Amino acid sequence: MPRTKKLTESAEDCLEAIYVLSKTKKVVRVKDIAKHLDTKMASIVVGLKTLA
């Protein structure tokens, strides 16, 4: 049985932003997510690493 991880709030925010942005863009970049969430790119990278 696979393990499931509980997502942090920042990881959930990243996923939601990716979903929203992907509806209008073919490619979603870190800077797009950071701009959408009004945060720094480094914070987004940390959030994305938790999803990996």
PDB file of N, CA and C in Angstrom:
ATOM      1  N   MET A   1       0.848  -1.178   0.000  1.00  0.00           N
ATOM      2  CA  MET A   1       0.000   0.000   0.000  1.00  0.00           C
ATOM      3  C   MET A   1       0.896   1.245   0.000  1.00  0.00           C
ATOM      4  N   PRO A   2       0.665   2.182  -0.926  1.00  0.00           N
ATOM      5  CA  PRO A   2       1.514   3.381  -0.979  1.00  0.00           C
ATOM      6  C   PRO A   2       1.292   4.298   0.219  1.00  0.00           C
ATOM      7  N   ARG A   3       2.368   4.937   0.596  1.00  0.00           N
ATOM      8  CA  ARG A   3       2.282   5.928   1.678  1.00  0.00           C
ATOM      9  C   ARG A   3       1.676   7.207   1.152  1.00  0.00           C
ATOM     10  N   THR A   4       0.911   7.861   1.973  1.00  0.00           N
ATOM     11  CA  THR A   4       0.376   9.160   1.583  1.00  0.00           C
ATOM     12  C   THR A   4       0.948  10.215   2.502  1.00  0.00           C
ATOM     13  N   LYS A   5       1.298  11.345   1.907  1.00  0.00           N
ATOM     14  CA  LYS A   5       1.828  12.470   2.681  1.00  0.00           C
ATOM     15  C   LYS A   5       0.742  13.517   2.821  1.00  0.00           C
ATOM     16  N   LYS A   6       0.726  14.163   3.961  1.00  0.00           N
ATOM     17  CA  LYS A   6      -0.177  15.292   4.141  1.00  0.00           C
ATOM     18  C   LYS A   6       0.503  16.510   3.530  1.00  0.00           C
ATOM     19  N   LEU A   7      -0.219  17.208   2.672  1.00  0.00           N
ATOM     20  CA  LEU A   7       0.342  18.384   2.014  1.00  0.00           C
ATOM     21  C   LEU A   7       0.356  19.583   2.949  1.00  0.00           C
ATOM     22  N   THR A   8       1.422  20.349   2.843  1.00  0.00           N
ATOM     23  CA  THR A   8       1.481  21.600   3.592  1.00  0.00           C
ATOM     24  C   THR A   8       0.593  22.623   2.889  1.00  0.00           C
ATOM     25  N   GLU A   9       0.286  23.676   3.588  1.00  0.00           N
ATOM     26  CA  GLU A   9      -0.547  24.728   3.004  1.00  0.00           C
ATOM     27  C   GLU A   9       0.130  25.340   1.780  1.00  0.00           C
ATOM     28  N   SER A  10       1.451  25.534   1.863  1.00  0.00           N
ATOM     29  CA  SER A  10       2.165  26.132   0.725  1.00  0.00           C
ATOM     30  C   SER A  10       2.165  25.196  -0.484  1.00  0.00           C
ATOM     31  N   ALA A  11       2.280  23.898  -0.244  1.00  0.00           N
ATOM     32  CA  ALA A  11       2.238  22.943  -1.349  1.00  0.00           C
ATOM     33  C   ALA A  11       0.853  22.935  -1.993  1.00  0.00           C
ATOM     34  N   GLU A  12      -0.177  23.010  -1.173  1.00  0.00           N
ATOM     35  CA  GLU A  12      -1.549  23.086  -1.700  1.00  0.00           C
ATOM     36  C   GLU A  12      -1.736  24.354  -2.528  1.00  0.00           C
ATOM     37  N   ASP A  13      -1.194  25.465  -2.037  1.00  0.00           N
ATOM     38  CA  ASP A  13      -1.285  26.729  -2.774  1.00  0.00           C
ATOM     39  C   ASP A  13      -0.592  26.618  -4.128  1.00  0.00           C
ATOM     40  N   CYS A  14       0.570  25.964  -4.142  1.00  0.00           N
ATOM     41  CA  CYS A  14       1.304  25.776  -5.402  1.00  0.00           C
ATOM     42  C   CYS A  14       0.485  24.944  -6.382  1.00  0.00           C
ATOM     43  N   LEU A  15      -0.085  23.852  -5.900  1.00  0.00           N
ATOM     44  CA  LEU A  15      -0.897  23.002  -6.770  1.00  0.00           C
ATOM     45  C   LEU A  15      -2.096  23.749  -7.332  1.00  0.00           C
ATOM     46  N   GLU A  16      -2.741  24.510  -6.473  1.00  0.00           N
ATOM     47  CA  GLU A  16      -3.904  25.279  -6.916  1.00  0.00           C
ATOM     48  C   GLU A  16      -3.504  26.315  -7.965  1.00  0.00           C
ATOM     49  N   ALA A  17      -2.382  26.985  -7.729  1.00  0.00           N
ATOM     50  CA  ALA A  17      -1.907  27.988  -8.685  1.00  0.00           C
ATOM     51  C   ALA A  17      -1.552  27.337 -10.018  1.00  0.00           C
ATOM     52  N   ILE A  18      -0.907  26.185  -9.974  1.00  0.00           N
ATOM     53  CA  ILE A  18      -0.559  25.468 -11.204  1.00  0.00           C
ATOM     54  C   ILE A  18      -1.835  25.125 -11.974  1.00  0.00           C
ATOM     55  N   TYR A  19      -2.831  24.645 -11.264  1.00  0.00           N
ATOM     56  CA  TYR A  19      -4.103  24.297 -11.904  1.00  0.00           C
ATOM     57  C   TYR A  19      -4.745  25.518 -12.565  1.00  0.00           C
ATOM     58  N   VAL A  20      -4.836  26.605 -11.824  1.00  0.00           N
ATOM     59  CA  VAL A  20      -5.473  27.822 -12.342  1.00  0.00           C
ATOM     60  C   VAL A  20      -4.695  28.359 -13.547  1.00  0.00           C
ATOM     61  N   LEU A  21      -3.380  28.440 -13.408  1.00  0.00           N
ATOM     62  CA  LEU A  21      -2.560  28.994 -14.489  1.00  0.00           C
ATOM     63  C   LEU A  21      -2.553  28.098 -15.724  1.00  0.00           C
ATOM     64  N   SER A  22      -2.621  26.787 -15.520  1.00  0.00           N
ATOM     65  CA  SER A  22      -2.565  25.862 -16.658  1.00  0.00           C
ATOM     66  C   SER A  22      -3.810  25.943 -17.534  1.00  0.00           C
ATOM     67  N   LYS A  23      -4.861  26.536 -17.025  1.00  0.00           N
ATOM     68  CA  LYS A  23      -6.072  26.701 -17.837  1.00  0.00           C
ATOM     69  C   LYS A  23      -5.876  27.746 -18.937  1.00  0.00           C
ATOM     70  N   THR A  24      -4.936  28.672 -18.719  1.00  0.00           N
ATOM     71  CA  THR A  24      -4.715  29.728 -19.705  1.00  0.00           C
ATOM     72  C   THR A  24      -3.318  29.696 -20.326  1.00  0.00           C
ATOM     73  N   LYS A  25      -2.424  28.887 -19.781  1.00  0.00           N
ATOM     74  CA  LYS A  25      -1.054  28.814 -20.297  1.00  0.00           C
ATOM     75  C   LYS A  25      -0.706  27.371 -20.627  1.00  0.00           C
ATOM     76  N   LYS A  26       0.110  27.190 -21.663  1.00  0.00           N
ATOM     77  CA  LYS A  26       0.596  25.851 -21.988  1.00  0.00           C
ATOM     78  C   LYS A  26       1.646  25.401 -20.984  1.00  0.00           C
ATOM     79  N   VAL A  27       2.497  26.328 -20.599  1.00  0.00           N
ATOM     80  CA  VAL A  27       3.597  26.039 -19.677  1.00  0.00           C
ATOM     81  C   VAL A  27       3.468  26.958 -18.473  1.00  0.00           C
ATOM     82  N   VAL A  28       3.577  26.371 -17.283  1.00  0.00           N
ATOM     83  CA  VAL A  28       3.517  27.162 -16.051  1.00  0.00           C
ATOM     84  C   VAL A  28       4.911  27.161 -15.439  1.00  0.00           C
ATOM     85  N   ARG A  29       5.480  28.337 -15.297  1.00  0.00           N
ATOM     86  CA  ARG A  29       6.837  28.469 -14.756  1.00  0.00           C
ATOM     87  C   ARG A  29       6.786  28.898 -13.296  1.00  0.00           C
ATOM     88  N   VAL A  30       7.908  28.705 -12.623  1.00  0.00           N
ATOM     89  CA  VAL A  30       8.014  29.093 -11.213  1.00  0.00           C
ATOM     90  C   VAL A  30       7.685  30.567 -11.049  1.00  0.00           C
ATOM     91  N   LYS A  31       8.180  31.397 -11.966  1.00  0.00           N
ATOM     92  CA  LYS A  31       7.913  32.831 -11.830  1.00  0.00           C
ATOM     93  C   LYS A  31       6.434  33.151 -12.018  1.00  0.00           C
ATOM     94  N   ASP A  32       5.731  32.357 -12.828  1.00  0.00           N
ATOM     95  CA  ASP A  32       4.284  32.550 -12.989  1.00  0.00           C
ATOM     96  C   ASP A  32       3.548  32.241 -11.685  1.00  0.00           C
ATOM     97  N   ILE A  33       3.947  31.153 -11.050  1.00  0.00           N
ATOM     98  CA  ILE A  33       3.323  30.756  -9.783  1.00  0.00           C
ATOM     99  C   ILE A  33       3.613  31.802  -8.717  1.00  0.00           C
ATOM    100  N   ALA A  34       4.869  32.254  -8.651  1.00  0.00           N
ATOM    101  CA  ALA A  34       5.254  33.259  -7.656  1.00  0.00           C
ATOM    102  C   ALA A  34       4.462  34.548  -7.843  1.00  0.00           C
ATOM    103  N   LYS A  35       4.297  34.963  -9.082  1.00  0.00           N
ATOM    104  CA  LYS A  35       3.533  36.183  -9.354  1.00  0.00           C
ATOM    105  C   LYS A  35       2.067  35.984  -8.974  1.00  0.00           C
ATOM    106  N   HIS A  36       1.515  34.839  -9.309  1.00  0.00           N
ATOM    107  CA  HIS A  36       0.114  34.536  -9.002  1.00  0.00           C
ATOM    108  C   HIS A  36      -0.132  34.542  -7.491  1.00  0.00           C
ATOM    109  N   LEU A  37       0.830  34.003  -6.733  1.00  0.00           N
ATOM    110  CA  LEU A  37       0.677  33.918  -5.278  1.00  0.00           C
ATOM    111  C   LEU A  37       1.274  35.119  -4.550  1.00  0.00           C
ATOM    112  N   ASP A  38       1.859  36.050  -5.311  1.00  0.00           N
ATOM    113  CA  ASP A  38       2.491  37.241  -4.740  1.00  0.00           C
ATOM    114  C   ASP A  38       3.524  36.861  -3.678  1.00  0.00           C
ATOM    115  N   THR A  39       4.457  36.013  -4.085  1.00  0.00           N
ATOM    116  CA  THR A  39       5.514  35.561  -3.189  1.00  0.00           C
ATOM    117  C   THR A  39       6.817  35.433  -3.970  1.00  0.00           C
ATOM    118  N   LYS A  40       7.891  35.092  -3.280  1.00  0.00           N
ATOM    119  CA  LYS A  40       9.202  34.967  -3.916  1.00  0.00           C
ATOM    120  C   LYS A  40       9.343  33.606  -4.590  1.00  0.00           C
ATOM    121  N   MET A  41      10.152  33.584  -5.652  1.00  0.00           N
ATOM    122  CA  MET A  41      10.357  32.337  -6.382  1.00  0.00           C
ATOM    123  C   MET A  41      10.981  31.258  -5.500  1.00  0.00           C
ATOM    124  N   ALA A  42      11.858  31.645  -4.586  1.00  0.00           N
ATOM    125  CA  ALA A  42      12.492  30.666  -3.701  1.00  0.00           C
ATOM    126  C   ALA A  42      11.456  29.932  -2.854  1.00  0.00           C
ATOM    127  N   SER A  43      10.439  30.635  -2.420  1.00  0.00           N
ATOM    128  CA  SER A  43       9.376  30.010  -1.632  1.00  0.00           C
ATOM    129  C   SER A  43       8.611  28.989  -2.463  1.00  0.00           C
ATOM    130  N   ILE A  44       8.427  29.292  -3.725  1.00  0.00           N
ATOM    131  CA  ILE A  44       7.724  28.372  -4.619  1.00  0.00           C
ATOM    132  C   ILE A  44       8.555  27.116  -4.842  1.00  0.00           C
ATOM    133  N   VAL A  45       9.854  27.285  -5.008  1.00  0.00           N
ATOM    134  CA  VAL A  45      10.741  26.138  -5.207  1.00  0.00           C
ATOM    135  C   VAL A  45      10.658  25.201  -4.005  1.00  0.00           C
ATOM    136  N   VAL A  46      10.667  25.751  -2.813  1.00  0.00           N
ATOM    137  CA  VAL A  46      10.547  24.930  -1.597  1.00  0.00           C
ATOM    138  C   VAL A  46       9.216  24.185  -1.605  1.00  0.00           C
ATOM    139  N   GLY A  47       8.148  24.885  -1.949  1.00  0.00           N
ATOM    140  CA  GLY A  47       6.835  24.254  -2.007  1.00  0.00           C
ATOM    141  C   GLY A  47       6.771  23.140  -3.035  1.00  0.00           C
ATOM    142  N   LEU A  48       7.394  23.355  -4.188  1.00  0.00           N
ATOM    143  CA  LEU A  48       7.393  22.337  -5.232  1.00  0.00           C
ATOM    144  C   LEU A  48       8.232  21.128  -4.845  1.00  0.00           C
ATOM    145  N   LYS A  49       9.316  21.350  -4.127  1.00  0.00           N
ATOM    146  CA  LYS A  49      10.151  20.230  -3.686  1.00  0.00           C
ATOM    147  C   LYS A  49       9.380  19.305  -2.759  1.00  0.00           C
ATOM    148  N   THR A  50       8.475  19.857  -1.962  1.00  0.00           N
ATOM    149  CA  THR A  50       7.692  18.999  -1.066  1.00  0.00           C
ATOM    150  C   THR A  50       6.704  18.139  -1.855  1.00  0.00           C
ATOM    151  N   LEU A  51       6.368  18.571  -3.065  1.00  0.00           N
ATOM    152  CA  LEU A  51       5.453  17.791  -3.899  1.00  0.00           C
ATOM    153  C   LEU A  51       6.165  16.659  -4.634  1.00  0.00           C
ATOM    154  N   ALA A  52       7.479  16.780  -4.787  1.00  0.00           N
ATOM    155  CA  ALA A  52       8.243  15.776  -5.545  1.00  0.00           C
ATOM    156  C   ALA A  52       8.380  14.469  -4.795  1.00  0.00           C
TER     157      ALA A  52
END
